[in-house]
N, C-alpha and C. Protein backbone atom coordinates (compact mmCIF):
# COMPACT_ATOMS: atom_id res chain seq x y z
N MET A 1 128.66 86.46 121.67
CA MET A 1 127.68 85.84 120.90
C MET A 1 127.82 85.37 119.71
N PRO A 2 127.20 84.20 119.24
CA PRO A 2 127.42 83.89 117.59
C PRO A 2 126.46 84.49 116.79
N PRO A 3 126.78 85.21 115.72
CA PRO A 3 125.80 86.08 114.87
C PRO A 3 124.76 85.09 114.37
N TYR A 4 125.04 83.38 114.32
CA TYR A 4 123.93 82.79 113.60
C TYR A 4 122.87 82.24 114.77
N SER A 5 122.68 82.41 115.84
CA SER A 5 122.17 82.00 116.85
C SER A 5 120.73 83.40 116.97
N PRO A 6 119.74 82.38 116.38
CA PRO A 6 118.54 83.22 116.59
C PRO A 6 118.20 83.66 118.23
N GLU A 7 118.25 82.84 119.19
CA GLU A 7 117.91 83.02 120.26
C GLU A 7 118.73 83.96 121.07
N LEU A 8 119.63 84.39 120.70
CA LEU A 8 120.84 85.30 120.85
C LEU A 8 120.19 86.72 120.07
N GLN A 9 120.23 86.45 118.95
CA GLN A 9 119.77 87.85 118.56
C GLN A 9 118.21 87.99 117.77
N PRO A 10 117.38 87.98 118.54
CA PRO A 10 116.02 87.74 118.17
C PRO A 10 115.53 88.66 116.90
N ALA A 11 116.32 89.91 117.12
CA ALA A 11 115.91 90.82 115.65
C ALA A 11 116.47 90.66 114.63
N GLU A 12 117.63 89.82 114.64
CA GLU A 12 118.19 89.61 113.49
C GLU A 12 117.40 89.39 112.19
N ARG A 13 116.33 88.82 112.77
CA ARG A 13 115.33 88.01 111.39
C ARG A 13 114.31 89.20 110.82
N LEU A 14 114.44 90.39 111.41
CA LEU A 14 113.91 91.60 110.62
C LEU A 14 114.49 92.65 109.87
N TRP A 15 116.11 92.10 110.10
CA TRP A 15 116.67 93.17 109.11
C TRP A 15 116.44 93.11 107.93
N ALA A 16 115.97 91.93 107.30
CA ALA A 16 115.99 91.71 105.85
C ALA A 16 114.57 92.75 105.31
N LEU A 17 113.45 92.72 106.19
CA LEU A 17 112.49 93.75 106.18
C LEU A 17 112.81 94.80 105.76
N ALA A 18 113.50 95.50 106.92
CA ALA A 18 113.73 97.06 107.14
C ALA A 18 114.67 97.14 105.96
N ASP A 19 115.69 96.45 105.61
CA ASP A 19 116.99 96.57 104.60
C ASP A 19 116.40 96.55 102.96
N GLU A 20 115.23 95.76 102.92
CA GLU A 20 114.58 95.68 101.99
C GLU A 20 114.79 97.07 100.82
N PRO A 21 114.26 98.10 101.09
CA PRO A 21 114.18 99.31 100.18
C PRO A 21 115.52 100.07 100.16
N LEU A 22 116.71 99.12 100.93
CA LEU A 22 118.15 100.38 100.90
C LEU A 22 119.16 99.32 100.21
N VAL A 23 118.85 98.12 99.49
CA VAL A 23 119.59 97.43 99.30
C VAL A 23 120.32 97.78 97.87
N ASN A 24 121.59 98.08 97.54
CA ASN A 24 122.05 98.57 96.56
C ASN A 24 121.88 99.68 96.00
N LYS A 25 121.57 100.60 96.93
CA LYS A 25 120.94 102.03 96.35
C LYS A 25 122.09 103.08 97.60
N SER A 26 122.43 104.18 96.82
CA SER A 26 122.90 105.17 97.69
C SER A 26 122.17 106.48 97.83
N PHE A 27 122.47 107.14 98.53
CA PHE A 27 121.25 108.52 98.66
C PHE A 27 121.97 109.70 98.92
N GLU A 28 121.41 110.43 98.41
CA GLU A 28 122.54 111.82 98.11
C GLU A 28 122.22 112.70 99.35
N THR A 29 121.55 112.64 100.39
CA THR A 29 121.33 113.20 101.39
C THR A 29 120.75 112.22 102.90
N LEU A 30 121.11 112.99 103.89
CA LEU A 30 120.00 111.86 104.91
C LEU A 30 118.80 111.93 104.84
N ASP A 31 118.37 113.09 104.36
CA ASP A 31 117.09 113.48 104.04
C ASP A 31 116.07 112.45 103.66
N ASP A 32 117.32 111.99 101.90
CA ASP A 32 116.43 111.21 100.95
C ASP A 32 116.69 110.13 102.00
N LEU A 33 117.63 109.23 102.67
CA LEU A 33 117.40 107.95 103.22
C LEU A 33 116.51 108.13 104.50
N GLU A 34 116.30 109.26 105.34
CA GLU A 34 115.27 108.99 105.98
C GLU A 34 113.59 108.87 105.72
N PHE A 35 113.68 109.30 104.22
CA PHE A 35 112.22 109.63 103.85
C PHE A 35 111.82 107.87 103.35
N VAL A 36 112.89 107.39 102.76
CA VAL A 36 112.70 105.92 102.32
C VAL A 36 112.65 105.11 103.79
N LEU A 37 113.45 105.03 104.66
CA LEU A 37 112.88 104.64 105.80
C LEU A 37 111.95 105.05 106.66
N ALA A 38 111.42 106.00 106.29
CA ALA A 38 110.11 106.08 107.25
C ALA A 38 108.77 105.68 106.47
N GLN A 39 109.08 105.80 105.10
CA GLN A 39 107.89 104.93 104.39
C GLN A 39 108.04 103.52 104.62
N ARG A 40 109.44 102.97 104.62
CA ARG A 40 109.01 101.54 104.95
C ARG A 40 108.77 101.29 106.48
N CYS A 41 108.81 102.49 107.46
CA CYS A 41 108.61 101.92 108.70
C CYS A 41 106.98 101.83 108.58
N GLN A 42 106.42 102.62 107.77
CA GLN A 42 104.84 102.68 107.77
C GLN A 42 104.48 101.51 107.35
N ILE A 43 105.43 100.91 105.91
CA ILE A 43 104.57 99.47 105.73
C ILE A 43 105.19 98.73 106.56
N LEU A 44 105.80 98.39 107.28
CA LEU A 44 106.24 97.67 108.54
C LEU A 44 105.35 97.47 109.67
N ALA A 45 104.65 98.83 109.86
CA ALA A 45 103.64 98.93 110.74
C ALA A 45 102.37 98.02 110.38
N LYS A 46 102.03 97.96 109.06
CA LYS A 46 100.82 97.11 108.68
C LYS A 46 101.11 95.70 108.69
N MET A 47 102.23 95.38 108.44
CA MET A 47 102.80 93.86 108.52
C MET A 47 102.60 93.26 109.85
N GLN A 48 102.08 93.41 110.73
CA GLN A 48 102.42 92.79 112.21
C GLN A 48 102.16 91.47 112.38
N PRO A 49 101.29 90.76 111.57
CA PRO A 49 101.14 89.12 111.69
C PRO A 49 102.49 88.79 111.15
N GLN A 50 103.07 89.25 109.85
CA GLN A 50 104.33 88.85 108.93
C GLN A 50 105.44 88.86 110.41
N ILE A 51 105.41 90.19 110.83
CA ILE A 51 106.55 90.69 112.01
C ILE A 51 106.57 89.27 113.09
N GLN A 52 104.81 89.57 113.67
CA GLN A 52 105.18 88.53 114.78
C GLN A 52 105.70 86.74 114.29
N ALA A 53 104.96 86.21 113.32
CA ALA A 53 105.66 85.14 112.38
C ALA A 53 106.97 84.82 112.96
N LEU A 54 107.81 85.92 112.54
CA LEU A 54 109.09 86.04 112.64
C LEU A 54 109.76 86.14 114.14
N THR A 55 109.46 86.50 114.88
CA THR A 55 109.68 87.06 116.01
C THR A 55 108.78 86.18 117.21
N ASN A 56 108.18 85.31 117.04
CA ASN A 56 107.29 84.66 118.01
C ASN A 56 108.12 83.42 118.41
N TYR A 57 108.84 83.71 119.27
CA TYR A 57 109.76 82.76 119.73
C TYR A 57 108.90 81.78 120.95
N TYR A 58 109.38 80.49 121.01
CA TYR A 58 108.45 79.16 121.79
C TYR A 58 109.20 79.98 123.30
N TRP A 59 110.58 80.50 123.31
CA TRP A 59 111.01 81.12 124.97
C TRP A 59 110.43 82.21 125.19
N TRP A 60 110.40 83.21 124.43
CA TRP A 60 109.62 84.45 124.82
C TRP A 60 108.40 84.42 125.43
N PRO A 61 108.54 85.05 126.66
CA PRO A 61 107.67 84.82 127.65
C PRO A 61 106.23 86.07 127.15
N GLU A 62 105.11 85.54 127.73
CA GLU A 62 104.08 86.13 127.50
C GLU A 62 103.63 87.37 127.78
N PRO A 63 103.10 88.42 127.22
CA PRO A 63 102.98 89.96 127.87
C PRO A 63 102.08 89.70 129.45
N GLU A 64 101.32 89.18 129.38
CA GLU A 64 100.43 88.76 130.72
C GLU A 64 101.52 88.18 131.82
N ASN A 65 102.31 87.49 131.01
CA ASN A 65 103.06 86.67 132.51
C ASN A 65 104.13 87.81 132.82
N LEU A 66 104.80 88.63 132.03
CA LEU A 66 105.62 89.43 132.29
C LEU A 66 105.32 90.47 133.90
N LYS A 67 106.01 90.70 134.50
CA LYS A 67 105.50 91.80 135.60
C LYS A 67 106.74 92.89 136.15
N THR A 68 106.01 93.59 136.01
CA THR A 68 107.61 94.76 136.54
C THR A 68 107.31 95.03 138.35
N LYS A 69 108.35 95.85 138.66
CA LYS A 69 108.35 95.66 140.33
C LYS A 69 106.96 96.65 140.59
N SER A 70 106.51 97.53 139.56
CA SER A 70 105.45 98.63 139.75
C SER A 70 104.19 97.89 140.07
N ASP A 71 104.03 96.66 139.10
CA ASP A 71 103.31 95.96 138.97
C ASP A 71 102.64 95.25 140.14
N VAL A 72 104.02 94.54 140.92
CA VAL A 72 104.07 93.82 141.84
C VAL A 72 103.56 94.34 143.12
N SER A 73 103.83 95.35 143.05
CA SER A 73 103.50 96.58 144.26
C SER A 73 102.23 97.18 144.63
N LEU A 74 101.52 97.08 143.29
CA LEU A 74 99.94 97.03 143.26
C LEU A 74 99.10 96.45 144.10
């Protein structure tokens, strides 16, 4: 799959948001890295409209249109 195809890599647009606090930094321990990532995840959890704008593809099915096997058998 080509890396430049947003339709084949839907999450690719989110890496810039997740990587922002890590760019050009090194961490002494994995715990230090985990702490920074946990803080970033808390910030990202509050950025739902911005994340949706990056991932709301025209071809992505609406949640109400998705049916699982268990939904169909009910």
